[in-house]
Amino acid sequence: MHLNSEEKVKIFEEYGKGKTDTGSPEAQIALFSVRIRHLTQHLKSNHKDHTTERALKMLVGKRRRLLDYLMRKDINRYRAIIAKKELGIRK
């Protein structure tokens, strides 16, 4: 899957601090969530694709580490990102 720059800018505007904010944990978590959703759909139809399965597990781990970091640093920002249902993050 390839996200074009307009789609990425939309994600960064919605979840980050602005359209050029690519480094905040919220923006990265949102970007990882979009990629995780895409890879999950891919694996439903291609269940023998072990390389994609590994990439999915790595992305989920990265997102989990970012969520843990956010929980340690600022619990209110963590709760705000978890509360957004469109990301599909459950706690």
N, C-alpha and C. Protein backbone atom coordinates (compact mmCIF):
# COMPACT_ATOMS: atom_id res chain seq x y z
N MET A 1 0.85 -1.18 0.00
CA MET A 1 0.00 0.00 0.00
C MET A 1 0.89 1.24 0.00
N HIS A 2 0.48 2.16 -0.78
CA HIS A 2 1.23 3.39 -0.84
C HIS A 2 0.27 4.55 -0.57
N LEU A 3 0.51 5.24 0.52
CA LEU A 3 -0.26 6.44 0.82
C LEU A 3 0.37 7.59 0.06
N ASN A 4 -0.45 8.32 -0.68
CA ASN A 4 0.11 9.48 -1.36
C ASN A 4 0.22 10.64 -0.36
N SER A 5 0.90 11.68 -0.76
CA SER A 5 1.21 12.75 0.17
C SER A 5 -0.04 13.50 0.64
N GLU A 6 -1.08 13.58 -0.19
CA GLU A 6 -2.30 14.26 0.24
C GLU A 6 -2.99 13.50 1.37
N GLU A 7 -3.00 12.16 1.27
CA GLU A 7 -3.61 11.36 2.34
C GLU A 7 -2.83 11.49 3.63
N LYS A 8 -1.50 11.51 3.53
CA LYS A 8 -0.67 11.67 4.72
C LYS A 8 -0.88 13.04 5.37
N VAL A 9 -0.97 14.07 4.54
CA VAL A 9 -1.20 15.43 5.06
C VAL A 9 -2.53 15.49 5.79
N LYS A 10 -3.56 14.81 5.25
CA LYS A 10 -4.87 14.78 5.92
C LYS A 10 -4.76 14.13 7.29
N ILE A 11 -4.03 13.04 7.37
CA ILE A 11 -3.85 12.34 8.64
C ILE A 11 -3.10 13.22 9.63
N PHE A 12 -2.03 13.88 9.15
CA PHE A 12 -1.24 14.73 10.03
C PHE A 12 -2.04 15.96 10.50
N GLU A 13 -2.88 16.52 9.63
CA GLU A 13 -3.71 17.66 10.04
C GLU A 13 -4.72 17.25 11.09
N GLU A 14 -5.32 16.07 10.92
CA GLU A 14 -6.38 15.64 11.83
C GLU A 14 -5.84 15.22 13.19
N TYR A 15 -4.74 14.49 13.21
CA TYR A 15 -4.25 13.94 14.47
C TYR A 15 -3.02 14.63 15.03
N GLY A 16 -2.26 15.32 14.19
CA GLY A 16 -1.07 16.02 14.65
C GLY A 16 -1.40 17.46 15.01
N LYS A 17 -0.35 18.25 15.12
CA LYS A 17 -0.52 19.66 15.46
C LYS A 17 -0.66 20.53 14.23
N GLY A 18 -0.43 19.97 13.07
CA GLY A 18 -0.54 20.70 11.81
C GLY A 18 -0.20 19.79 10.66
N LYS A 19 -0.25 20.33 9.46
CA LYS A 19 -0.02 19.45 8.30
C LYS A 19 1.44 19.07 8.12
N THR A 20 2.35 19.79 8.76
CA THR A 20 3.76 19.42 8.67
C THR A 20 4.25 18.69 9.92
N ASP A 21 3.37 18.41 10.84
CA ASP A 21 3.74 17.72 12.09
C ASP A 21 3.76 16.21 11.84
N THR A 22 4.92 15.71 11.46
CA THR A 22 5.03 14.28 11.18
C THR A 22 5.66 13.51 12.33
N GLY A 23 6.14 14.22 13.34
CA GLY A 23 6.89 13.55 14.40
C GLY A 23 6.16 13.34 15.69
N SER A 24 5.00 13.94 15.87
CA SER A 24 4.30 13.77 17.14
C SER A 24 3.80 12.34 17.26
N PRO A 25 3.75 11.81 18.47
CA PRO A 25 3.28 10.43 18.65
C PRO A 25 1.87 10.22 18.13
N GLU A 26 1.00 11.21 18.28
CA GLU A 26 -0.38 11.06 17.81
C GLU A 26 -0.43 10.86 16.29
N ALA A 27 0.35 11.66 15.57
CA ALA A 27 0.37 11.56 14.11
C ALA A 27 0.95 10.22 13.67
N GLN A 28 2.00 9.78 14.33
CA GLN A 28 2.61 8.51 13.96
C GLN A 28 1.68 7.34 14.27
N ILE A 29 1.00 7.40 15.41
CA ILE A 29 0.05 6.34 15.78
C ILE A 29 -1.08 6.27 14.76
N ALA A 30 -1.57 7.42 14.32
CA ALA A 30 -2.64 7.43 13.32
C ALA A 30 -2.16 6.86 12.00
N LEU A 31 -0.95 7.21 11.58
CA LEU A 31 -0.40 6.68 10.34
C LEU A 31 -0.19 5.17 10.42
N PHE A 32 0.34 4.70 11.55
CA PHE A 32 0.51 3.26 11.74
C PHE A 32 -0.83 2.54 11.73
N SER A 33 -1.85 3.15 12.30
CA SER A 33 -3.17 2.52 12.36
C SER A 33 -3.76 2.34 10.96
N VAL A 34 -3.57 3.32 10.10
CA VAL A 34 -4.04 3.21 8.71
C VAL A 34 -3.31 2.07 8.00
N ARG A 35 -2.00 2.00 8.19
CA ARG A 35 -1.22 0.94 7.56
C ARG A 35 -1.58 -0.43 8.12
N ILE A 36 -1.83 -0.52 9.42
CA ILE A 36 -2.21 -1.79 10.05
C ILE A 36 -3.55 -2.26 9.50
N ARG A 37 -4.48 -1.34 9.34
CA ARG A 37 -5.80 -1.70 8.80
C ARG A 37 -5.67 -2.25 7.38
N HIS A 38 -4.82 -1.63 6.58
CA HIS A 38 -4.61 -2.10 5.20
C HIS A 38 -3.97 -3.49 5.18
N LEU A 39 -2.93 -3.69 5.99
CA LEU A 39 -2.26 -4.99 6.01
C LEU A 39 -3.17 -6.09 6.54
N THR A 40 -4.03 -5.77 7.47
CA THR A 40 -4.97 -6.75 7.99
C THR A 40 -5.92 -7.20 6.90
N GLN A 41 -6.42 -6.27 6.10
CA GLN A 41 -7.30 -6.62 4.99
C GLN A 41 -6.56 -7.48 3.97
N HIS A 42 -5.30 -7.15 3.71
CA HIS A 42 -4.50 -7.92 2.77
C HIS A 42 -4.33 -9.36 3.25
N LEU A 43 -4.07 -9.53 4.55
CA LEU A 43 -3.84 -10.87 5.09
C LEU A 43 -5.10 -11.72 5.14
N LYS A 44 -6.26 -11.09 5.15
CA LYS A 44 -7.50 -11.87 5.14
C LYS A 44 -7.64 -12.64 3.83
N SER A 45 -7.16 -12.07 2.74
CA SER A 45 -7.28 -12.76 1.46
C SER A 45 -5.99 -13.49 1.07
N ASN A 46 -4.86 -13.17 1.71
CA ASN A 46 -3.58 -13.80 1.40
C ASN A 46 -2.97 -14.35 2.69
N HIS A 47 -3.57 -15.37 3.23
CA HIS A 47 -3.18 -15.85 4.55
C HIS A 47 -1.81 -16.53 4.58
N LYS A 48 -1.25 -16.85 3.44
CA LYS A 48 0.08 -17.48 3.41
C LYS A 48 1.21 -16.48 3.20
N ASP A 49 0.91 -15.21 3.20
CA ASP A 49 1.91 -14.17 2.99
C ASP A 49 2.60 -13.88 4.33
N HIS A 50 3.65 -14.63 4.61
CA HIS A 50 4.31 -14.54 5.91
C HIS A 50 5.14 -13.27 6.06
N THR A 51 5.63 -12.73 4.97
CA THR A 51 6.40 -11.49 5.04
C THR A 51 5.51 -10.33 5.48
N THR A 52 4.31 -10.27 4.94
CA THR A 52 3.37 -9.23 5.34
C THR A 52 2.92 -9.43 6.78
N GLU A 53 2.77 -10.68 7.18
CA GLU A 53 2.39 -10.97 8.57
C GLU A 53 3.45 -10.47 9.54
N ARG A 54 4.71 -10.67 9.18
CA ARG A 54 5.81 -10.18 10.01
C ARG A 54 5.81 -8.65 10.07
N ALA A 55 5.61 -8.01 8.92
CA ALA A 55 5.57 -6.55 8.87
C ALA A 55 4.42 -6.02 9.71
N LEU A 56 3.28 -6.70 9.68
CA LEU A 56 2.13 -6.29 10.48
C LEU A 56 2.45 -6.38 11.96
N LYS A 57 3.08 -7.46 12.37
CA LYS A 57 3.44 -7.61 13.79
C LYS A 57 4.43 -6.54 14.23
N MET A 58 5.36 -6.19 13.35
CA MET A 58 6.32 -5.14 13.68
C MET A 58 5.63 -3.78 13.82
N LEU A 59 4.67 -3.50 12.93
CA LEU A 59 3.94 -2.23 13.00
C LEU A 59 3.10 -2.15 14.28
N VAL A 60 2.46 -3.25 14.63
CA VAL A 60 1.66 -3.27 15.85
C VAL A 60 2.56 -3.03 17.06
N GLY A 61 3.75 -3.60 17.06
CA GLY A 61 4.70 -3.38 18.14
C GLY A 61 5.16 -1.93 18.22
N LYS A 62 5.44 -1.32 17.07
CA LYS A 62 5.84 0.09 17.06
C LYS A 62 4.74 0.97 17.61
N ARG A 63 3.49 0.69 17.17
CA ARG A 63 2.37 1.50 17.66
C ARG A 63 2.18 1.32 19.15
N ARG A 64 2.34 0.08 19.65
CA ARG A 64 2.21 -0.20 21.07
C ARG A 64 3.27 0.56 21.87
N ARG A 65 4.52 0.57 21.36
CA ARG A 65 5.58 1.30 22.06
C ARG A 65 5.30 2.80 22.09
N LEU A 66 4.78 3.34 20.99
CA LEU A 66 4.44 4.77 20.97
C LEU A 66 3.30 5.06 21.96
N LEU A 67 2.32 4.17 22.03
CA LEU A 67 1.22 4.37 22.97
C LEU A 67 1.73 4.30 24.41
N ASP A 68 2.65 3.37 24.69
CA ASP A 68 3.23 3.28 26.04
C ASP A 68 4.02 4.54 26.38
N TYR A 69 4.78 5.05 25.41
CA TYR A 69 5.53 6.29 25.62
C TYR A 69 4.58 7.44 25.93
N LEU A 70 3.51 7.53 25.16
CA LEU A 70 2.55 8.61 25.36
C LEU A 70 1.87 8.49 26.71
N MET A 71 1.59 7.27 27.14
CA MET A 71 0.95 7.06 28.44
C MET A 71 1.89 7.51 29.57
N ARG A 72 3.20 7.23 29.42
CA ARG A 72 4.16 7.65 30.44
C ARG A 72 4.33 9.16 30.48
N LYS A 73 4.37 9.80 29.30
CA LYS A 73 4.69 11.23 29.23
C LYS A 73 3.49 12.13 29.50
N ASP A 74 2.33 11.81 28.91
CA ASP A 74 1.16 12.68 29.06
C ASP A 74 -0.10 11.82 28.94
N ILE A 75 -0.68 11.48 30.09
CA ILE A 75 -1.82 10.57 30.13
C ILE A 75 -3.05 11.16 29.44
N ASN A 76 -3.19 12.48 29.45
CA ASN A 76 -4.36 13.09 28.81
C ASN A 76 -4.30 12.95 27.28
N ARG A 77 -3.12 13.12 26.70
CA ARG A 77 -2.98 12.92 25.25
C ARG A 77 -3.20 11.45 24.89
N TYR A 78 -2.75 10.54 25.76
CA TYR A 78 -2.97 9.11 25.54
C TYR A 78 -4.46 8.79 25.54
N ARG A 79 -5.16 9.29 26.52
CA ARG A 79 -6.61 9.04 26.60
C ARG A 79 -7.35 9.64 25.40
N ALA A 80 -6.88 10.78 24.92
CA ALA A 80 -7.53 11.42 23.77
C ALA A 80 -7.35 10.58 22.51
N ILE A 81 -6.17 10.01 22.31
CA ILE A 81 -5.93 9.22 21.10
C ILE A 81 -6.65 7.87 21.19
N ILE A 82 -6.76 7.31 22.37
CA ILE A 82 -7.48 6.04 22.55
C ILE A 82 -8.98 6.25 22.33
N ALA A 83 -9.48 7.41 22.70
CA ALA A 83 -10.92 7.67 22.60
C ALA A 83 -11.39 7.81 21.16
N LYS A 84 -10.48 8.05 20.23
CA LYS A 84 -10.87 8.20 18.82
C LYS A 84 -11.16 6.82 18.24
N LYS A 85 -12.42 6.57 17.99
CA LYS A 85 -12.85 5.24 17.56
C LYS A 85 -12.44 4.90 16.13
N GLU A 86 -12.22 5.91 15.28
CA GLU A 86 -11.90 5.63 13.89
C GLU A 86 -10.50 5.02 13.72
N LEU A 87 -9.65 5.13 14.75
CA LEU A 87 -8.34 4.51 14.68
C LEU A 87 -8.39 3.02 14.97
N GLY A 88 -9.40 2.60 15.69
CA GLY A 88 -9.57 1.18 15.97
C GLY A 88 -8.65 0.66 17.05
N ILE A 89 -8.23 1.53 17.97
CA ILE A 89 -7.36 1.10 19.07
C ILE A 89 -8.25 0.83 20.27
N ARG A 90 -8.10 -0.36 20.80
CA ARG A 90 -8.88 -0.72 21.99
C ARG A 90 -7.94 -0.85 23.17
N LYS A 91 -8.47 -0.61 24.33
CA LYS A 91 -7.67 -0.79 25.55
C LYS A 91 -8.43 -1.65 26.51
